[in-house]
Amino acid sequence: MTEDISTTELENILEKAQQAFLITKQYPLSRRISFMRAVADEIEALGPELIEAAMAESNLPEARLTGEKGRTIFQWRSYADAVERGDSLAASIDTANAERTPPKPDIRKTNIPLGPVAVFGASNFPFAFSTAGGDTASAIAAGCPVVVKAHPGHPRTSQLMADAISRAAVKSEMPEGIFSHVVSSTYTTGQLLVSHPVIKAVGFTGSYRGGMALVELGNKRKDPIPVFSEMGSINPVFLLPEKLKTSASDLAKQYAGSLTLGVGQFCTNPGLVIGTEGEDLDTFIHSLKEVIAQASPAKMLNTGIAQGYYINKDIVTSQAGVEIVAVAEAEILEGHGIPTVATVSSEEFLTNEHLQEEVFGPFALIVKCKDVAEMKAVADTIHGQLTATLLGTGEDLAANQELISLIQIKCGRIMFNNFPTGVEVCKSMHHGGPFPSASDSRFTSVGPDAIKRFVRPFSYQNWPDELLPDELKNANPLGIWRTVNNELTKEALG
């Protein structure tokens, strides 16, 4: 594709996407599944060129990218498996009862694709959340053609992944518009995509500002569409008293590892710590200071992200009552993220919105509370988050049920004595959370349930069996689990 795609070219792409939708919605599920597995095979076959391109464009190390490539392949295969199991169809049947007054009709429900989906590539995961990432895989799994706007931070990497998907589409005999890759250096292209009537949903991972701009565009349309924006989070960590008393130094070391992993460039980076004042918290801070001092700064994803890190860090640390307590003892090199930790009182935190702003990078703010009551006030005040972490003992949990209840309201995933920077791709994972961490807390962008974002329920009433989709036919030719007259079963109907 050319750098600034013309409106005519974009219209042509969207027309082909709509045509592909109308064609593929008639295909059996097996063709969609085969296509997805072919995509996984094509990505797996990509050689050193992919890793080398991503290393050059993102500053991410080879080991990290090799693991991320494996995760991306797994996403395509596991989502294909979920489609094969019928997970995203949620098929249900309520059979007719002519003896009832009035007679009960035969009603059968499944999920059908929304239509063409626009996906915006993310910067921090050039494989797993970008061109061939989870949004693209889950939209294809739902039966939706995808138009990807490549992230400008890794154009070569995006093109290699796009070519892999396109090869799989040809080998699977899918229509041309099933997948399209748009490269553009302007915001206008993204605006046109979200505003175009062909597009029926949007997937986005990135900043709050970017995500909300897309949400507003989606809402302003004549026919509003869902925009699934994952917009970042400061992922609070709550240090509970009994655990802190016995494990302060160990917790500090573990926390530092999570904070600095990947130069803090994860949407689940734990950038906020809440604890109660006293010797135990002082020990935690002292130990954290020692570890952070020896941390090795590394290059951030790109110059813009590095600049944003220092600008946002300076905004937070310039607020009243904020004190920097730990900084990596290393030369500040251009484009590198220097790990930094600051503290603030709960009184200041509760009255200053700036202290809740995300600093994308290896920065942490420790909120010092006088007691558990103030920890509850902080939990009640924090904005919606992707994750929250509780570091405690069993006794801590039993003694702090009200605090835990407040935290649950504010996040999509809660950890106990575990850190949030690993996001497992599985059905039980919920990677999303209350606003502003995500635009719709009911949905996840990781795991096979991510497919549900791009489907809608549809019912057939008194429909001839031979004309029903396979998942609703009496014989259950797909062999999937279905809810039949309120009972979960794989059995065929007599």
Protein backbone atom coordinates (compact mmCIF):
# COMPACT_ATOMS: atom_id res chain seq x y z
CA MET A 1 0.00 0.00 0.00
CA THR A 2 1.11 3.61 -0.51
CA GLU A 3 1.86 5.91 2.40
CA ASP A 4 -1.22 8.12 2.33
CA ILE A 5 -3.98 6.01 0.86
CA SER A 6 -6.46 7.93 -1.25
CA THR A 7 -10.16 8.10 -0.46
CA THR A 8 -10.86 6.22 -3.70
CA GLU A 9 -8.51 3.38 -2.72
CA LEU A 10 -10.08 3.17 0.73
CA GLU A 11 -13.59 3.07 -0.75
CA ASN A 12 -12.49 0.21 -2.99
CA ILE A 13 -11.10 -1.71 -0.02
CA LEU A 14 -14.28 -1.23 1.98
CA GLU A 15 -16.47 -2.27 -0.94
CA LYS A 16 -14.49 -5.49 -1.24
CA ALA A 17 -14.78 -6.06 2.52
CA GLN A 18 -18.57 -5.77 2.28
CA GLN A 19 -18.66 -8.15 -0.68
CA ALA A 20 -16.49 -10.62 1.24
CA PHE A 21 -18.88 -10.41 4.18
CA LEU A 22 -21.90 -11.21 2.05
CA ILE A 23 -20.07 -14.15 0.49
CA THR A 24 -18.43 -15.67 3.58
CA LYS A 25 -21.52 -15.45 5.77
CA GLN A 26 -22.86 -18.25 3.57
CA TYR A 27 -19.78 -20.43 4.11
CA PRO A 28 -19.80 -23.35 6.57
CA LEU A 29 -17.77 -22.80 9.74
CA SER A 30 -15.19 -25.29 8.53
CA ARG A 31 -13.93 -22.86 5.88
CA ARG A 32 -13.44 -20.10 8.44
CA ILE A 33 -11.61 -22.51 10.75
CA SER A 34 -9.33 -23.71 7.95
CA PHE A 35 -8.49 -20.12 7.04
CA MET A 36 -7.55 -19.27 10.62
CA ARG A 37 -5.31 -22.31 10.91
CA ALA A 38 -3.71 -21.40 7.59
CA VAL A 39 -2.93 -17.92 8.97
CA ALA A 40 -1.24 -19.52 11.99
CA ASP A 41 0.81 -21.73 9.66
CA GLU A 42 1.88 -18.77 7.52
CA ILE A 43 2.98 -16.73 10.57
CA GLU A 44 4.84 -19.73 11.94
CA ALA A 45 6.66 -20.12 8.62
CA LEU A 46 7.97 -16.54 8.74
CA GLY A 47 11.72 -16.65 9.27
CA PRO A 48 14.33 -14.36 10.86
CA GLU A 49 13.20 -11.46 8.69
CA LEU A 50 10.12 -10.96 10.88
CA ILE A 51 12.02 -10.87 14.17
CA GLU A 52 14.75 -8.69 12.70
CA ALA A 53 12.22 -6.19 11.33
CA ALA A 54 10.39 -5.99 14.66
CA MET A 55 13.64 -5.58 16.60
CA ALA A 56 14.69 -2.71 14.35
CA GLU A 57 11.33 -0.97 14.52
CA SER A 58 10.39 -1.48 18.19
CA ASN A 59 13.69 -1.86 20.12
CA LEU A 60 12.23 -5.03 21.66
CA PRO A 61 14.71 -7.88 22.28
CA GLU A 62 14.79 -11.09 20.24
CA ALA A 63 13.66 -13.33 23.11
CA ARG A 64 10.62 -11.18 23.83
CA LEU A 65 9.61 -11.07 20.16
CA THR A 66 10.14 -14.80 19.69
CA GLY A 67 7.78 -15.45 22.58
CA GLU A 68 5.28 -12.95 21.25
CA LYS A 69 5.33 -14.61 17.83
CA GLY A 70 4.48 -17.91 19.50
CA ARG A 71 1.64 -16.25 21.41
CA THR A 72 0.26 -14.78 18.18
CA ILE A 73 0.28 -18.18 16.46
CA PHE A 74 -1.41 -19.69 19.51
CA GLN A 75 -4.13 -17.02 19.43
CA TRP A 76 -5.10 -17.89 15.85
CA ARG A 77 -5.15 -21.62 16.57
CA SER A 78 -6.92 -21.41 19.91
CA TYR A 79 -9.59 -19.07 18.54
CA ALA A 80 -10.08 -21.46 15.60
CA ASP A 81 -10.50 -24.27 18.13
CA ALA A 82 -13.09 -22.18 19.98
CA VAL A 83 -15.06 -21.66 16.76
CA GLU A 84 -14.89 -25.40 16.11
CA ARG A 85 -16.25 -26.08 19.61
CA GLY A 86 -19.06 -23.61 18.99
CA ASP A 87 -18.08 -21.47 21.99
CA SER A 88 -18.82 -18.14 20.32
CA LEU A 89 -22.10 -19.32 18.79
CA ALA A 90 -23.91 -19.82 22.12
CA ALA A 91 -26.44 -21.99 20.25
CA SER A 92 -29.75 -22.51 22.03
CA ILE A 93 -32.99 -24.23 21.06
CA ASP A 94 -36.45 -24.06 22.59
CA THR A 95 -38.66 -26.57 20.81
CA ALA A 96 -42.30 -26.02 19.93
CA ASN A 97 -45.22 -27.10 22.10
CA ALA A 98 -48.48 -27.20 20.14
CA GLU A 99 -50.41 -28.37 23.23
CA ARG A 100 -49.76 -25.18 25.12
CA THR A 101 -52.26 -22.31 25.04
CA PRO A 102 -51.30 -20.27 23.16
CA PRO A 103 -49.07 -22.71 21.20
CA LYS A 104 -45.36 -22.28 21.80
CA PRO A 105 -43.32 -21.77 18.59
CA ASP A 106 -39.97 -23.37 17.85
CA ILE A 107 -37.27 -20.75 18.55
CA ARG A 108 -33.56 -21.21 17.96
CA LYS A 109 -30.77 -18.71 18.62
CA THR A 110 -27.16 -18.37 17.53
CA ASN A 111 -24.60 -15.59 17.14
CA ILE A 112 -23.94 -14.11 13.72
CA PRO A 113 -21.12 -11.76 12.58
CA LEU A 114 -21.63 -8.00 12.77
CA GLY A 115 -19.94 -7.20 9.46
CA PRO A 116 -16.59 -5.70 8.42
CA VAL A 117 -14.40 -4.64 11.35
CA ALA A 118 -11.73 -1.93 11.50
CA VAL A 119 -8.70 -2.83 13.63
CA PHE A 120 -6.03 -0.35 14.74
CA GLY A 121 -2.61 -1.88 15.34
CA ALA A 122 -0.98 -1.31 18.74
CA SER A 123 2.57 -0.09 19.29
CA ASN A 124 3.71 -2.15 22.29
CA PHE A 125 2.94 -5.62 20.90
CA PRO A 126 3.88 -5.56 17.19
CA PHE A 127 2.68 -9.15 16.74
CA ALA A 128 0.08 -10.06 19.37
CA PHE A 129 -1.93 -6.80 19.41
CA SER A 130 -1.18 -5.39 15.99
CA THR A 131 -1.85 -6.37 12.36
CA ALA A 132 -2.19 -10.11 13.01
CA GLY A 133 -3.05 -9.72 16.68
CA GLY A 134 -5.95 -10.71 18.85
CA ASP A 135 -8.44 -8.16 17.49
CA THR A 136 -7.89 -9.34 13.93
CA ALA A 137 -7.97 -13.02 14.90
CA SER A 138 -11.15 -12.69 16.98
CA ALA A 139 -12.95 -10.65 14.31
CA ILE A 140 -12.08 -13.23 11.64
CA ALA A 141 -13.18 -15.95 14.07
CA ALA A 142 -16.53 -14.18 14.38
CA GLY A 143 -16.92 -14.25 10.59
CA CYS A 144 -16.10 -10.59 10.00
CA PRO A 145 -13.79 -9.29 7.26
CA VAL A 146 -11.07 -7.08 8.74
CA VAL A 147 -9.51 -3.83 7.58
CA VAL A 148 -6.35 -3.14 9.59
CA LYS A 149 -4.83 0.31 9.90
CA ALA A 150 -1.18 -0.48 10.49
CA HIS A 151 0.58 1.18 13.40
CA PRO A 152 3.14 3.70 12.04
CA GLY A 153 5.71 2.55 14.60
CA HIS A 154 6.40 -0.76 12.83
CA PRO A 155 5.34 -0.57 9.16
CA ARG A 156 7.70 -3.27 7.88
CA THR A 157 6.64 -5.70 10.60
CA SER A 158 2.99 -4.98 9.87
CA GLN A 159 3.47 -5.60 6.17
CA LEU A 160 5.14 -8.96 6.77
CA MET A 161 2.23 -10.04 8.96
CA ALA A 162 -0.33 -8.70 6.49
CA ASP A 163 1.33 -10.62 3.67
CA ALA A 164 1.13 -13.80 5.74
CA ILE A 165 -2.62 -13.35 6.28
CA SER A 166 -3.13 -12.56 2.60
CA ARG A 167 -1.25 -15.72 1.55
CA ALA A 168 -3.44 -17.76 3.87
CA ALA A 169 -6.55 -16.17 2.38
CA VAL A 170 -5.48 -17.12 -1.15
CA LYS A 171 -4.60 -20.68 -0.13
CA SER A 172 -7.94 -21.00 1.69
CA GLU A 173 -9.82 -19.61 -1.33
CA MET A 174 -11.30 -16.77 0.69
CA PRO A 175 -12.63 -13.71 -1.20
CA GLU A 176 -10.19 -10.86 -1.71
CA GLY A 177 -11.80 -8.49 0.80
CA ILE A 178 -11.64 -10.86 3.78
CA PHE A 179 -8.53 -9.02 4.97
CA SER A 180 -7.06 -5.65 3.98
CA HIS A 181 -4.01 -3.79 5.24
CA VAL A 182 -4.02 0.01 5.16
CA VAL A 183 -0.84 2.03 5.69
CA SER A 184 -1.32 5.75 6.24
CA SER A 185 0.49 8.52 8.07
CA THR A 186 -2.66 10.61 8.63
CA TYR A 187 -5.41 10.56 11.24
CA THR A 188 -7.91 11.15 8.45
CA THR A 189 -7.70 7.54 7.26
CA GLY A 190 -8.65 6.24 10.69
CA GLN A 191 -11.51 8.70 10.91
CA LEU A 192 -12.81 7.65 7.50
CA LEU A 193 -12.65 4.00 8.49
CA VAL A 194 -14.64 4.41 11.70
CA SER A 195 -17.17 6.70 10.03
CA HIS A 196 -17.76 4.57 6.95
CA PRO A 197 -21.15 2.78 6.86
CA VAL A 198 -19.55 -0.52 5.80
CA ILE A 199 -17.63 -0.78 9.08
CA LYS A 200 -19.74 -2.32 11.86
CA ALA A 201 -17.27 -2.46 14.77
CA VAL A 202 -13.79 -1.28 15.76
CA GLY A 203 -10.97 -2.83 17.77
CA PHE A 204 -8.33 -0.56 19.33
CA THR A 205 -5.52 -0.85 21.87
CA GLY A 206 -3.68 2.31 22.83
CA SER A 207 -3.98 5.61 24.63
CA TYR A 208 -7.05 7.06 26.33
CA ARG A 209 -7.02 10.02 23.99
CA GLY A 210 -6.85 7.89 20.85
CA GLY A 211 -9.40 5.38 22.10
CA MET A 212 -11.93 8.03 23.10
CA ALA A 213 -11.56 9.82 19.77
CA LEU A 214 -12.61 6.59 18.04
CA VAL A 215 -15.45 5.96 20.52
CA GLU A 216 -16.84 9.43 19.85
CA LEU A 217 -16.63 8.88 16.09
CA GLY A 218 -18.46 5.58 16.43
CA ASN A 219 -21.19 7.17 18.55
CA LYS A 220 -21.69 10.14 16.20
CA ARG A 221 -22.49 7.99 13.19
CA LYS A 222 -26.00 7.86 11.79
CA ASP A 223 -25.87 4.20 12.78
CA PRO A 224 -23.67 4.11 15.93
CA ILE A 225 -21.30 1.16 16.13
CA PRO A 226 -19.41 -0.47 19.02
CA VAL A 227 -15.83 0.69 19.41
CA PHE A 228 -13.91 -1.68 21.66
CA SER A 229 -11.09 0.46 22.99
CA GLU A 230 -8.59 -0.78 25.53
CA MET A 231 -7.11 2.48 26.78
CA GLY A 232 -4.56 1.77 29.46
CA SER A 233 -4.47 1.45 33.22
CA ILE A 234 -2.27 2.13 36.25
CA ASN A 235 -3.11 -1.29 37.75
CA PRO A 236 -3.02 -0.63 41.52
CA VAL A 237 -1.17 -2.94 43.90
CA PHE A 238 -2.50 -3.09 47.47
CA LEU A 239 0.03 -4.01 50.15
CA LEU A 240 -1.95 -5.61 52.98
CA PRO A 241 -0.58 -5.29 56.54
CA GLU A 242 0.20 -8.89 57.56
CA LYS A 243 1.95 -9.73 54.31
CA LEU A 244 3.92 -6.49 54.40
CA LYS A 245 5.03 -7.22 57.96
CA THR A 246 6.70 -10.52 57.03
CA SER A 247 7.72 -10.07 53.38
CA ALA A 248 8.40 -6.39 52.66
CA SER A 249 11.84 -6.85 51.08
CA ASP A 250 10.84 -9.85 48.97
CA LEU A 251 7.71 -8.08 47.77
CA ALA A 252 9.78 -5.05 46.76
CA LYS A 253 12.09 -7.20 44.62
CA GLN A 254 9.17 -8.99 42.96
CA TYR A 255 7.36 -5.72 42.37
CA ALA A 256 10.44 -4.09 40.82
CA GLY A 257 10.69 -6.97 38.35
CA SER A 258 7.11 -6.46 37.25
CA LEU A 259 7.43 -2.67 37.09
CA THR A 260 10.53 -2.69 34.89
CA LEU A 261 9.60 -5.66 32.67
CA GLY A 262 9.66 -4.56 29.03
CA VAL A 263 10.66 -1.04 30.18
CA GLY A 264 7.19 -0.77 31.75
CA GLN A 265 5.52 -0.73 28.33
CA PHE A 266 2.58 -2.97 29.16
CA CYS A 267 -1.02 -1.91 29.58
CA THR A 268 -0.93 -4.05 32.74
CA ASN A 269 2.17 -2.40 34.19
CA PRO A 270 1.59 -1.95 37.96
CA GLY A 271 2.16 1.78 38.26
CA LEU A 272 0.39 2.45 41.58
CA VAL A 273 1.09 0.99 45.02
CA ILE A 274 -1.11 1.53 48.08
CA GLY A 275 0.07 0.71 51.60
CA THR A 276 -0.21 1.86 55.20
CA GLU A 277 2.46 4.05 56.77
CA GLY A 278 4.94 2.55 59.20
CA GLU A 279 8.17 0.58 59.47
CA ASP A 280 6.97 -2.17 57.16
CA LEU A 281 6.15 0.21 54.29
CA ASP A 282 9.45 2.02 54.93
CA THR A 283 11.26 -1.32 54.56
CA PHE A 284 9.41 -1.97 51.30
CA ILE A 285 10.35 1.47 49.94
CA HIS A 286 13.99 1.14 51.05
CA SER A 287 14.31 -2.29 49.42
CA LEU A 288 12.60 -1.05 46.28
CA LYS A 289 15.00 1.90 46.15
CA GLU A 290 17.98 -0.46 46.22
CA VAL A 291 16.62 -2.63 43.42
CA ILE A 292 15.55 0.31 41.24
CA ALA A 293 18.94 1.98 41.68
CA GLN A 294 20.58 -1.03 40.03
CA ALA A 295 17.96 -1.41 37.27
CA SER A 296 19.23 -1.22 33.70
CA PRO A 297 17.41 1.32 31.54
CA ALA A 298 16.59 0.19 28.02
CA LYS A 299 15.34 1.78 24.84
CA MET A 300 11.63 2.39 24.70
CA LEU A 301 9.51 1.44 21.69
CA ASN A 302 10.15 4.67 19.85
CA THR A 303 11.19 8.27 20.41
CA GLY A 304 7.61 9.51 20.78
CA ILE A 305 6.83 7.03 23.55
CA ALA A 306 10.06 7.89 25.35
CA GLN A 307 9.25 11.59 25.17
CA GLY A 308 5.72 10.90 26.43
CA TYR A 309 7.14 8.92 29.36
CA TYR A 310 9.28 11.80 30.58
CA ILE A 311 6.59 14.42 30.00
CA ASN A 312 3.94 12.45 31.90
CA LYS A 313 6.38 11.43 34.66
CA ASP A 314 7.32 15.06 35.18
CA ILE A 315 3.65 16.08 35.36
CA VAL A 316 3.00 13.56 38.15
CA THR A 317 6.20 14.22 40.09
CA SER A 318 5.66 17.98 39.97
CA GLN A 319 2.37 17.72 41.85
CA ALA A 320 2.09 18.91 45.45
CA GLY A 321 3.30 16.38 48.00
CA VAL A 322 4.97 14.04 45.49
CA GLU A 323 8.53 12.99 46.39
CA ILE A 324 10.86 10.97 44.17
CA VAL A 325 12.38 8.22 46.32
CA ALA A 326 14.09 5.92 43.80
CA VAL A 327 15.76 6.41 40.42
CA ALA A 328 17.96 4.06 38.42
CA GLU A 329 21.60 5.10 38.85
CA ALA A 330 22.39 5.11 35.16
CA GLU A 331 23.23 7.62 32.50
CA ILE A 332 20.12 9.01 30.84
CA LEU A 333 20.43 8.05 27.19
CA GLU A 334 18.15 9.34 24.48
CA GLY A 335 15.10 7.15 24.02
CA HIS A 336 15.73 5.11 27.17
CA GLY A 337 13.25 4.76 30.03
CA ILE A 338 14.80 5.40 33.44
CA PRO A 339 12.92 3.48 36.20
CA THR A 340 11.59 5.94 38.79
CA VAL A 341 9.51 5.61 41.98
CA ALA A 342 7.78 8.41 43.89
CA THR A 343 5.59 8.63 47.00
CA VAL A 344 2.60 10.73 47.99
CA SER A 345 0.19 10.86 50.91
CA SER A 346 -3.32 9.50 50.53
CA GLU A 347 -4.69 12.97 51.34
CA GLU A 348 -2.95 14.43 48.28
CA PHE A 349 -3.87 11.47 46.10
CA LEU A 350 -7.55 11.68 46.96
CA THR A 351 -7.78 15.32 45.89
CA ASN A 352 -5.57 15.40 42.79
CA GLU A 353 -6.78 13.78 39.54
CA HIS A 354 -3.35 14.21 37.93
CA LEU A 355 -2.00 11.50 40.23
CA GLN A 356 -4.19 8.92 38.50
CA GLU A 357 -2.90 9.63 35.02
CA GLU A 358 -1.05 6.78 33.32
CA VAL A 359 2.69 7.18 32.90
CA PHE A 360 3.44 4.64 30.18
CA GLY A 361 6.80 3.26 31.22
CA PRO A 362 8.76 2.12 34.32
CA PHE A 363 7.28 4.61 36.77
CA ALA A 364 5.50 3.92 40.05
CA LEU A 365 3.67 6.10 42.56
CA ILE A 366 3.36 4.79 46.13
CA VAL A 367 0.36 6.12 48.05
CA LYS A 368 0.98 6.19 51.81
CA CYS A 369 -2.20 5.72 53.86
CA LYS A 370 -2.57 6.20 57.59
CA ASP A 371 -4.69 3.06 57.98
CA VAL A 372 -6.88 0.55 56.16
CA ALA A 373 -9.77 3.03 56.22
CA GLU A 374 -7.71 5.36 54.01
CA MET A 375 -6.84 2.42 51.75
CA LYS A 376 -10.58 1.93 51.29
CA ALA A 377 -10.98 5.61 50.41
CA VAL A 378 -8.23 5.29 47.79
CA ALA A 379 -9.82 2.12 46.37
CA ASP A 380 -13.14 3.92 46.17
CA THR A 381 -11.55 6.88 44.35
CA ILE A 382 -9.40 5.20 41.73
CA HIS A 383 -10.68 5.09 38.16
CA GLY A 384 -11.58 1.89 36.33
CA GLN A 385 -8.60 -0.42 35.82
CA LEU A 386 -7.67 -3.47 33.78
CA THR A 387 -6.20 -5.15 36.86
CA ALA A 388 -5.67 -4.83 40.59
CA THR A 389 -3.28 -6.80 42.78
CA LEU A 390 -3.59 -7.83 46.41
CA LEU A 391 -0.38 -8.81 48.21
CA GLY A 392 -1.48 -10.38 51.45
CA THR A 393 -2.01 -13.43 53.65
CA GLY A 394 -5.15 -15.45 54.10
CA GLU A 395 -5.74 -13.49 57.27
CA ASP A 396 -5.39 -10.23 55.32
CA LEU A 397 -8.09 -11.35 52.90
CA ALA A 398 -10.45 -12.39 55.67
CA ALA A 399 -9.95 -9.10 57.49
CA ASN A 400 -10.40 -6.84 54.45
CA GLN A 401 -13.54 -8.02 52.67
CA GLU A 402 -14.92 -4.50 52.32
CA LEU A 403 -11.68 -3.30 50.72
CA ILE A 404 -11.71 -6.24 48.33
CA SER A 405 -15.32 -5.51 47.39
CA LEU A 406 -14.41 -1.89 46.56
CA ILE A 407 -11.45 -3.03 44.46
CA GLN A 408 -13.59 -5.52 42.53
CA ILE A 409 -15.88 -2.70 41.39
CA LYS A 410 -12.90 -0.93 39.84
CA CYS A 411 -11.13 -3.64 37.81
CA GLY A 412 -11.54 -6.49 35.34
CA ARG A 413 -9.00 -8.91 36.86
CA ILE A 414 -7.73 -9.21 40.41
CA MET A 415 -4.50 -10.96 41.44
CA PHE A 416 -3.58 -12.47 44.80
CA ASN A 417 0.18 -12.61 45.48
CA ASN A 418 0.81 -12.48 41.75
CA PHE A 419 1.66 -9.65 39.37
CA PRO A 420 -0.43 -8.52 36.39
CA THR A 421 2.15 -8.20 33.62
CA GLY A 422 1.46 -11.69 32.27
CA VAL A 423 -1.82 -11.99 30.32
CA GLU A 424 -2.66 -15.64 29.67
CA VAL A 425 -4.55 -16.40 26.45
CA CYS A 426 -7.36 -18.61 27.74
CA LYS A 427 -11.13 -18.66 28.07
CA SER A 428 -11.11 -17.56 31.71
CA MET A 429 -8.97 -14.47 31.07
CA HIS A 430 -10.75 -11.13 31.19
CA HIS A 431 -8.57 -8.40 29.69
CA GLY A 432 -10.77 -5.37 30.00
CA GLY A 433 -12.23 -3.32 32.81
CA PRO A 434 -14.46 -0.45 33.87
CA PHE A 435 -14.08 2.89 32.10
CA PRO A 436 -11.62 4.47 31.41
CA SER A 437 -9.44 1.34 31.17
CA ALA A 438 -11.76 0.08 28.41
CA SER A 439 -14.78 1.44 26.60
CA ASP A 440 -16.98 -1.55 27.53
CA SER A 441 -16.16 -3.57 30.65
CA ARG A 442 -18.36 -6.49 29.55
CA PHE A 443 -15.88 -7.66 26.94
CA THR A 444 -12.32 -9.00 26.86
CA SER A 445 -9.71 -8.45 24.16
CA VAL A 446 -7.74 -11.58 25.14
CA GLY A 447 -8.91 -15.20 25.03
CA PRO A 448 -11.60 -16.83 22.88
CA ASP A 449 -14.34 -14.79 24.54
CA ALA A 450 -12.88 -11.82 22.64
CA ILE A 451 -14.80 -13.19 19.64
CA LYS A 452 -18.06 -12.15 21.33
CA ARG A 453 -17.28 -8.49 20.62
CA PHE A 454 -17.91 -8.99 16.92
CA VAL A 455 -21.11 -11.05 16.88
CA ARG A 456 -24.76 -10.37 17.65
CA PRO A 457 -27.57 -12.72 18.74
CA PHE A 458 -30.04 -13.81 16.08
CA SER A 459 -33.16 -15.99 16.44
CA TYR A 460 -35.00 -18.23 13.96
CA GLN A 461 -38.66 -18.95 14.66
CA ASN A 462 -40.52 -21.93 13.14
CA TRP A 463 -37.76 -22.27 10.55
CA PRO A 464 -37.41 -25.35 8.27
CA ASP A 465 -34.69 -27.59 9.70
CA GLU A 466 -32.85 -28.00 6.39
CA LEU A 467 -32.50 -24.21 6.03
CA LEU A 468 -31.16 -23.58 9.54
CA PRO A 469 -27.43 -22.99 10.11
CA ASP A 470 -25.65 -26.20 11.08
CA GLU A 471 -25.35 -25.25 14.73
CA LEU A 472 -29.16 -25.15 15.06
CA LYS A 473 -30.16 -28.17 13.00
CA ASN A 474 -31.84 -31.08 14.74
CA ALA A 475 -29.01 -33.49 13.94
CA ASN A 476 -26.34 -31.16 15.41
CA PRO A 477 -23.90 -31.92 12.56
CA LEU A 478 -21.18 -29.80 14.19
CA GLY A 479 -21.30 -31.90 17.36
CA ILE A 480 -21.20 -28.81 19.58
CA TRP A 481 -22.66 -28.11 22.99
CA ARG A 482 -26.09 -26.47 22.75
CA THR A 483 -28.69 -25.40 25.29
CA VAL A 484 -31.82 -27.36 24.36
CA ASN A 485 -34.93 -26.63 26.43
CA ASN A 486 -32.69 -25.21 29.16
CA GLU A 487 -30.34 -28.20 29.28
CA LEU A 488 -26.77 -28.24 27.99
CA THR A 489 -26.28 -31.15 25.60
CA LYS A 490 -24.55 -32.43 22.46
CA GLU A 491 -27.41 -34.78 21.68
CA ALA A 492 -29.31 -34.52 18.42
CA LEU A 493 -33.02 -33.71 18.49
CA GLY A 494 -35.37 -36.55 17.57
